[in-house]
Amino acid sequence: MSAVSHEIRNLCGAAMVVHKNLTKVAELRGNADFEAMGTLIQGLEQISAMELRGTSEQRRAAIELTSVLTSCAS
């Protein structure tokens, strides 16, 4: 999982640089889609920052992804 997190962080870092540069474009200020993109990038960075490592007693269980993603969006 750490390799996946690393790759997500790399992509998010690049996307965040582009997003940050585009914030200087006056036409994009207040654009809902542009702001949503920034929120999405931040959420992905938060997810990738979670060090998801296995434990000696790995347990697998089904989870409701909608609640996880909603939590990341807020």
PDB file of N, CA and C in Angstrom:
ATOM      1  N   MET A   1       0.810  -1.195   0.000  1.00  0.00           N
ATOM      2  CA  MET A   1       0.000   0.000   0.000  1.00  0.00           C
ATOM      3  C   MET A   1       0.855   1.261   0.000  1.00  0.00           C
ATOM      4  N   SER A   2       2.019   1.206   0.600  1.00  0.00           N
ATOM      5  CA  SER A   2       2.829   2.424   0.644  1.00  0.00           C
ATOM      6  C   SER A   2       3.261   2.844  -0.757  1.00  0.00           C
ATOM      7  N   ALA A   3       3.473   1.888  -1.650  1.00  0.00           N
ATOM      8  CA  ALA A   3       3.839   2.235  -3.024  1.00  0.00           C
ATOM      9  C   ALA A   3       2.685   2.944  -3.716  1.00  0.00           C
ATOM     10  N   VAL A   4       1.467   2.486  -3.462  1.00  0.00           N
ATOM     11  CA  VAL A   4       0.279   3.124  -4.044  1.00  0.00           C
ATOM     12  C   VAL A   4       0.135   4.538  -3.486  1.00  0.00           C
ATOM     13  N   SER A   5       0.289   4.679  -2.183  1.00  0.00           N
ATOM     14  CA  SER A   5       0.204   5.993  -1.559  1.00  0.00           C
ATOM     15  C   SER A   5       1.250   6.939  -2.132  1.00  0.00           C
ATOM     16  N   HIS A   6       2.435   6.427  -2.342  1.00  0.00           N
ATOM     17  CA  HIS A   6       3.518   7.233  -2.907  1.00  0.00           C
ATOM     18  C   HIS A   6       3.143   7.739  -4.299  1.00  0.00           C
ATOM     19  N   GLU A   7       2.623   6.863  -5.126  1.00  0.00           N
ATOM     20  CA  GLU A   7       2.251   7.247  -6.493  1.00  0.00           C
ATOM     21  C   GLU A   7       1.101   8.257  -6.487  1.00  0.00           C
ATOM     22  N   ILE A   8       0.141   8.069  -5.601  1.00  0.00           N
ATOM     23  CA  ILE A   8      -0.973   9.026  -5.498  1.00  0.00           C
ATOM     24  C   ILE A   8      -0.441  10.385  -5.058  1.00  0.00           C
ATOM     25  N   ARG A   9       0.475  10.395  -4.093  1.00  0.00           N
ATOM     26  CA  ARG A   9       1.059  11.666  -3.631  1.00  0.00           C
ATOM     27  C   ARG A   9       1.795  12.369  -4.771  1.00  0.00           C
ATOM     28  N   ASN A  10       2.525  11.609  -5.583  1.00  0.00           N
ATOM     29  CA  ASN A  10       3.240  12.212  -6.720  1.00  0.00           C
ATOM     30  C   ASN A  10       2.269  12.873  -7.686  1.00  0.00           C
ATOM     31  N   LEU A  11       1.216  12.154  -8.049  1.00  0.00           N
ATOM     32  CA  LEU A  11       0.228  12.705  -8.975  1.00  0.00           C
ATOM     33  C   LEU A  11      -0.493  13.909  -8.370  1.00  0.00           C
ATOM     34  N   CYS A  12      -0.854  13.809  -7.109  1.00  0.00           N
ATOM     35  CA  CYS A  12      -1.550  14.915  -6.444  1.00  0.00           C
ATOM     36  C   CYS A  12      -0.647  16.137  -6.340  1.00  0.00           C
ATOM     37  N   GLY A  13       0.616  15.909  -6.078  1.00  0.00           N
ATOM     38  CA  GLY A  13       1.555  17.029  -5.987  1.00  0.00           C
ATOM     39  C   GLY A  13       1.631  17.790  -7.297  1.00  0.00           C
ATOM     40  N   ALA A  14       1.711  17.053  -8.391  1.00  0.00           N
ATOM     41  CA  ALA A  14       1.762  17.687  -9.706  1.00  0.00           C
ATOM     42  C   ALA A  14       0.457  18.409 -10.010  1.00  0.00           C
ATOM     43  N   ALA A  15      -0.663  17.765  -9.725  1.00  0.00           N
ATOM     44  CA  ALA A  15      -1.972  18.385  -9.973  1.00  0.00           C
ATOM     45  C   ALA A  15      -2.158  19.626  -9.111  1.00  0.00           C
ATOM     46  N   MET A  16      -1.676  19.585  -7.875  1.00  0.00           N
ATOM     47  CA  MET A  16      -1.826  20.735  -6.984  1.00  0.00           C
ATOM     48  C   MET A  16      -1.004  21.925  -7.475  1.00  0.00           C
ATOM     49  N   VAL A  17       0.176  21.667  -8.016  1.00  0.00           N
ATOM     50  CA  VAL A  17       1.000  22.758  -8.560  1.00  0.00           C
ATOM     51  C   VAL A  17       0.262  23.439  -9.707  1.00  0.00           C
ATOM     52  N   VAL A  18      -0.301  22.634 -10.601  1.00  0.00           N
ATOM     53  CA  VAL A  18      -1.044  23.203 -11.731  1.00  0.00           C
ATOM     54  C   VAL A  18      -2.254  23.979 -11.216  1.00  0.00           C
ATOM     55  N   HIS A  19      -2.988  23.385 -10.271  1.00  0.00           N
ATOM     56  CA  HIS A  19      -4.172  24.045  -9.706  1.00  0.00           C
ATOM     57  C   HIS A  19      -3.787  25.368  -9.049  1.00  0.00           C
ATOM     58  N   LYS A  20      -2.710  25.344  -8.290  1.00  0.00           N
ATOM     59  CA  LYS A  20      -2.260  26.563  -7.611  1.00  0.00           C
ATOM     60  C   LYS A  20      -1.899  27.655  -8.624  1.00  0.00           C
ATOM     61  N   ASN A  21      -1.216  27.271  -9.688  1.00  0.00           N
ATOM     62  CA  ASN A  21      -0.861  28.241 -10.737  1.00  0.00           C
ATOM     63  C   ASN A  21      -2.115  28.797 -11.409  1.00  0.00           C
ATOM     64  N   LEU A  22      -3.114  27.954 -11.611  1.00  0.00           N
ATOM     65  CA  LEU A  22      -4.337  28.400 -12.266  1.00  0.00           C
ATOM     66  C   LEU A  22      -5.197  29.304 -11.385  1.00  0.00           C
ATOM     67  N   THR A  23      -4.943  29.302 -10.085  1.00  0.00           N
ATOM     68  CA  THR A  23      -5.709  30.199  -9.206  1.00  0.00           C
ATOM     69  C   THR A  23      -5.411  31.659  -9.537  1.00  0.00           C
ATOM     70  N   LYS A  24      -4.324  31.892 -10.250  1.00  0.00           N
ATOM     71  CA  LYS A  24      -3.962  33.258 -10.642  1.00  0.00           C
ATOM     72  C   LYS A  24      -4.778  33.745 -11.842  1.00  0.00           C
ATOM     73  N   VAL A  25      -5.493  32.854 -12.497  1.00  0.00           N
ATOM     74  CA  VAL A  25      -6.316  33.217 -13.653  1.00  0.00           C
ATOM     75  C   VAL A  25      -7.642  33.769 -13.140  1.00  0.00           C
ATOM     76  N   ALA A  26      -7.874  35.034 -13.399  1.00  0.00           N
ATOM     77  CA  ALA A  26      -9.055  35.721 -12.863  1.00  0.00           C
ATOM     78  C   ALA A  26     -10.358  35.034 -13.263  1.00  0.00           C
ATOM     79  N   GLU A  27     -10.440  34.506 -14.464  1.00  0.00           N
ATOM     80  CA  GLU A  27     -11.673  33.882 -14.943  1.00  0.00           C
ATOM     81  C   GLU A  27     -12.048  32.623 -14.156  1.00  0.00           C
ATOM     82  N   LEU A  28     -11.090  32.015 -13.492  1.00  0.00           N
ATOM     83  CA  LEU A  28     -11.364  30.787 -12.738  1.00  0.00           C
ATOM     84  C   LEU A  28     -11.779  31.048 -11.293  1.00  0.00           C
ATOM     85  N   ARG A  29     -11.594  32.252 -10.816  1.00  0.00           N
ATOM     86  CA  ARG A  29     -11.974  32.566  -9.437  1.00  0.00           C
ATOM     87  C   ARG A  29     -13.481  32.427  -9.271  1.00  0.00           C
ATOM     88  N   GLY A  30     -13.872  31.660  -8.286  1.00  0.00           N
ATOM     89  CA  GLY A  30     -15.289  31.448  -8.019  1.00  0.00           C
ATOM     90  C   GLY A  30     -15.930  30.386  -8.893  1.00  0.00           C
ATOM     91  N   ASN A  31     -15.190  29.771  -9.800  1.00  0.00           N
ATOM     92  CA  ASN A  31     -15.728  28.717 -10.653  1.00  0.00           C
ATOM     93  C   ASN A  31     -15.903  27.450  -9.818  1.00  0.00           C
ATOM     94  N   ALA A  32     -17.127  26.960  -9.745  1.00  0.00           N
ATOM     95  CA  ALA A  32     -17.434  25.813  -8.888  1.00  0.00           C
ATOM     96  C   ALA A  32     -16.662  24.559  -9.292  1.00  0.00           C
ATOM     97  N   ASP A  33     -16.535  24.325 -10.581  1.00  0.00           N
ATOM     98  CA  ASP A  33     -15.800  23.137 -11.037  1.00  0.00           C
ATOM     99  C   ASP A  33     -14.321  23.229 -10.676  1.00  0.00           C
ATOM    100  N   PHE A  34     -13.746  24.399 -10.816  1.00  0.00           N
ATOM    101  CA  PHE A  34     -12.338  24.600 -10.478  1.00  0.00           C
ATOM    102  C   PHE A  34     -12.113  24.403  -8.979  1.00  0.00           C
ATOM    103  N   GLU A  35     -13.021  24.937  -8.166  1.00  0.00           N
ATOM    104  CA  GLU A  35     -12.907  24.762  -6.717  1.00  0.00           C
ATOM    105  C   GLU A  35     -13.094  23.301  -6.328  1.00  0.00           C
ATOM    106  N   ALA A  36     -14.018  22.615  -7.003  1.00  0.00           N
ATOM    107  CA  ALA A  36     -14.241  21.188  -6.723  1.00  0.00           C
ATOM    108  C   ALA A  36     -12.998  20.371  -7.058  1.00  0.00           C
ATOM    109  N   MET A  37     -12.306  20.745  -8.130  1.00  0.00           N
ATOM    110  CA  MET A  37     -11.076  20.045  -8.484  1.00  0.00           C
ATOM    111  C   MET A  37     -10.039  20.193  -7.375  1.00  0.00           C
ATOM    112  N   GLY A  38      -9.908  21.389  -6.825  1.00  0.00           N
ATOM    113  CA  GLY A  38      -8.978  21.605  -5.720  1.00  0.00           C
ATOM    114  C   GLY A  38      -9.343  20.773  -4.505  1.00  0.00           C
ATOM    115  N   THR A  39     -10.635  20.693  -4.217  1.00  0.00           N
ATOM    116  CA  THR A  39     -11.104  19.890  -3.086  1.00  0.00           C
ATOM    117  C   THR A  39     -10.807  18.411  -3.315  1.00  0.00           C
ATOM    118  N   LEU A  40     -11.022  17.953  -4.532  1.00  0.00           N
ATOM    119  CA  LEU A  40     -10.740  16.558  -4.869  1.00  0.00           C
ATOM    120  C   LEU A  40      -9.256  16.244  -4.697  1.00  0.00           C
ATOM    121  N   ILE A  41      -8.409  17.125  -5.170  1.00  0.00           N
ATOM    122  CA  ILE A  41      -6.959  16.913  -5.041  1.00  0.00           C
ATOM    123  C   ILE A  41      -6.560  16.863  -3.572  1.00  0.00           C
ATOM    124  N   GLN A  42      -7.107  17.765  -2.764  1.00  0.00           N
ATOM    125  CA  GLN A  42      -6.783  17.767  -1.333  1.00  0.00           C
ATOM    126  C   GLN A  42      -7.254  16.485  -0.665  1.00  0.00           C
ATOM    127  N   GLY A  43      -8.443  16.013  -1.046  1.00  0.00           N
ATOM    128  CA  GLY A  43      -8.952  14.760  -0.482  1.00  0.00           C
ATOM    129  C   GLY A  43      -8.073  13.575  -0.832  1.00  0.00           C
ATOM    130  N   LEU A  44      -7.627  13.518  -2.070  1.00  0.00           N
ATOM    131  CA  LEU A  44      -6.735  12.429  -2.479  1.00  0.00           C
ATOM    132  C   LEU A  44      -5.403  12.500  -1.736  1.00  0.00           C
ATOM    133  N   GLU A  45      -4.916  13.717  -1.504  1.00  0.00           N
ATOM    134  CA  GLU A  45      -3.676  13.857  -0.736  1.00  0.00           C
ATOM    135  C   GLU A  45      -3.873  13.355   0.693  1.00  0.00           C
ATOM    136  N   GLN A  46      -5.030  13.643   1.282  1.00  0.00           N
ATOM    137  CA  GLN A  46      -5.306  13.168   2.640  1.00  0.00           C
ATOM    138  C   GLN A  46      -5.362  11.650   2.683  1.00  0.00           C
ATOM    139  N   ILE A  47      -6.014  11.064   1.694  1.00  0.00           N
ATOM    140  CA  ILE A  47      -6.107   9.602   1.649  1.00  0.00           C
ATOM    141  C   ILE A  47      -4.715   8.987   1.491  1.00  0.00           C
ATOM    142  N   SER A  48      -3.914   9.554   0.610  1.00  0.00           N
ATOM    143  CA  SER A  48      -2.580   8.991   0.383  1.00  0.00           C
ATOM    144  C   SER A  48      -1.668   9.195   1.582  1.00  0.00           C
ATOM    145  N   ALA A  49      -1.956  10.194   2.398  1.00  0.00           N
ATOM    146  CA  ALA A  49      -1.132  10.449   3.584  1.00  0.00           C
ATOM    147  C   ALA A  49      -1.372   9.410   4.670  1.00  0.00           C
ATOM    148  N   MET A  50      -2.496   8.745   4.615  1.00  0.00           N
ATOM    149  CA  MET A  50      -2.773   7.692   5.597  1.00  0.00           C
ATOM    150  C   MET A  50      -1.840   6.535   5.300  1.00  0.00           C
ATOM    151  N   GLU A  51      -1.017   6.208   6.224  1.00  0.00           N
ATOM    152  CA  GLU A  51      -0.096   5.097   6.017  1.00  0.00           C
ATOM    153  C   GLU A  51      -0.857   3.804   6.237  1.00  0.00           C
ATOM    154  N   LEU A  52      -1.276   3.225   5.147  1.00  0.00           N
ATOM    155  CA  LEU A  52      -2.075   2.005   5.206  1.00  0.00           C
ATOM    156  C   LEU A  52      -1.141   0.800   5.188  1.00  0.00           C
ATOM    157  N   ARG A  53      -0.782   0.361   6.341  1.00  0.00           N
ATOM    158  CA  ARG A  53       0.132  -0.775   6.460  1.00  0.00           C
ATOM    159  C   ARG A  53      -0.597  -1.948   7.088  1.00  0.00           C
ATOM    160  N   GLY A  54      -0.197  -3.111   6.685  1.00  0.00           N
ATOM    161  CA  GLY A  54      -0.774  -4.313   7.262  1.00  0.00           C
ATOM    162  C   GLY A  54      -0.277  -4.529   8.679  1.00  0.00           C
ATOM    163  N   THR A  55      -1.038  -5.245   9.434  1.00  0.00           N
ATOM    164  CA  THR A  55      -0.638  -5.605  10.786  1.00  0.00           C
ATOM    165  C   THR A  55      -0.417  -7.108  10.826  1.00  0.00           C
ATOM    166  N   SER A  56       0.095  -7.584  11.933  1.00  0.00           N
ATOM    167  CA  SER A  56       0.322  -9.019  12.042  1.00  0.00           C
ATOM    168  C   SER A  56      -1.007  -9.776  12.022  1.00  0.00           C
ATOM    169  N   GLU A  57      -2.065  -9.107  12.426  1.00  0.00           N
ATOM    170  CA  GLU A  57      -3.393  -9.719  12.406  1.00  0.00           C
ATOM    171  C   GLU A  57      -4.259  -8.996  11.379  1.00  0.00           C
ATOM    172  N   GLN A  58      -3.925  -9.154  10.140  1.00  0.00           N
ATOM    173  CA  GLN A  58      -4.698  -8.474   9.112  1.00  0.00           C
ATOM    174  C   GLN A  58      -6.121  -8.996   9.103  1.00  0.00           C
ATOM    175  N   ARG A  59      -7.031  -8.040   9.113  1.00  0.00           N
ATOM    176  CA  ARG A  59      -8.444  -8.392   9.045  1.00  0.00           C
ATOM    177  C   ARG A  59      -9.043  -7.670   7.850  1.00  0.00           C
ATOM    178  N   ARG A  60      -9.856  -8.356   7.151  1.00  0.00           N
ATOM    179  CA  ARG A  60     -10.520  -7.751   6.016  1.00  0.00           C
ATOM    180  C   ARG A  60     -12.011  -7.689   6.305  1.00  0.00           C
ATOM    181  N   ALA A  61     -12.561  -6.565   5.976  1.00  0.00           N
ATOM    182  CA  ALA A  61     -13.993  -6.391   6.170  1.00  0.00           C
ATOM    183  C   ALA A  61     -14.517  -5.447   5.113  1.00  0.00           C
ATOM    184  N   ALA A  62     -15.747  -5.624   4.780  1.00  0.00           N
ATOM    185  CA  ALA A  62     -16.375  -4.727   3.809  1.00  0.00           C
ATOM    186  C   ALA A  62     -16.635  -3.384   4.489  1.00  0.00           C
ATOM    187  N   ILE A  63     -16.420  -2.325   3.741  1.00  0.00           N
ATOM    188  CA  ILE A  63     -16.710  -0.993   4.265  1.00  0.00           C
ATOM    189  C   ILE A  63     -17.575  -0.240   3.257  1.00  0.00           C
ATOM    190  N   GLU A  64     -18.286   0.724   3.743  1.00  0.00           N
ATOM    191  CA  GLU A  64     -19.125   1.570   2.905  1.00  0.00           C
ATOM    192  C   GLU A  64     -18.275   2.738   2.426  1.00  0.00           C
ATOM    193  N   LEU A  65     -17.838   2.703   1.176  1.00  0.00           N
ATOM    194  CA  LEU A  65     -16.944   3.740   0.653  1.00  0.00           C
ATOM    195  C   LEU A  65     -17.608   5.107   0.575  1.00  0.00           C
ATOM    196  N   THR A  66     -18.904   5.147   0.416  1.00  0.00           N
ATOM    197  CA  THR A  66     -19.587   6.433   0.332  1.00  0.00           C
ATOM    198  C   THR A  66     -19.335   7.252   1.581  1.00  0.00           C
ATOM    199  N   SER A  67     -19.422   6.643   2.751  1.00  0.00           N
ATOM    200  CA  SER A  67     -19.193   7.382   3.995  1.00  0.00           C
ATOM    201  C   SER A  67     -17.736   7.802   4.133  1.00  0.00           C
ATOM    202  N   VAL A  68     -16.809   6.996   3.673  1.00  0.00           N
ATOM    203  CA  VAL A  68     -15.387   7.340   3.728  1.00  0.00           C
ATOM    204  C   VAL A  68     -15.111   8.547   2.823  1.00  0.00           C
ATOM    205  N   LEU A  69     -15.622   8.500   1.598  1.00  0.00           N
ATOM    206  CA  LEU A  69     -15.401   9.591   0.658  1.00  0.00           C
ATOM    207  C   LEU A  69     -16.100  10.870   1.104  1.00  0.00           C
ATOM    208  N   THR A  70     -17.288  10.726   1.687  1.00  0.00           N
ATOM    209  CA  THR A  70     -17.999  11.900   2.204  1.00  0.00           C
ATOM    210  C   THR A  70     -17.200  12.526   3.336  1.00  0.00           C
ATOM    211  N   SER A  71     -16.629  11.701   4.174  1.00  0.00           N
ATOM    212  CA  SER A  71     -15.799  12.193   5.281  1.00  0.00           C
ATOM    213  C   SER A  71     -14.584  12.944   4.755  1.00  0.00           C
ATOM    214  N   CYS A  72     -13.976  12.450   3.692  1.00  0.00           N
ATOM    215  CA  CYS A  72     -12.804  13.122   3.122  1.00  0.00           C
ATOM    216  C   CYS A  72     -13.172  14.443   2.466  1.00  0.00           C
ATOM    217  N   ALA A  73     -14.367  14.524   1.948  1.00  0.00           N
ATOM    218  CA  ALA A  73     -14.801  15.749   1.240  1.00  0.00           C
ATOM    219  C   ALA A  73     -15.110  16.880   2.193  1.00  0.00           C
ATOM    220  N   SER A  74     -15.363  16.573   3.457  1.00  0.00           N
ATOM    221  CA  SER A  74     -15.730  17.646   4.390  1.00  0.00           C
ATOM    222  C   SER A  74     -14.574  18.106   5.222  1.00  0.00           C
TER     223      SER A  74
END
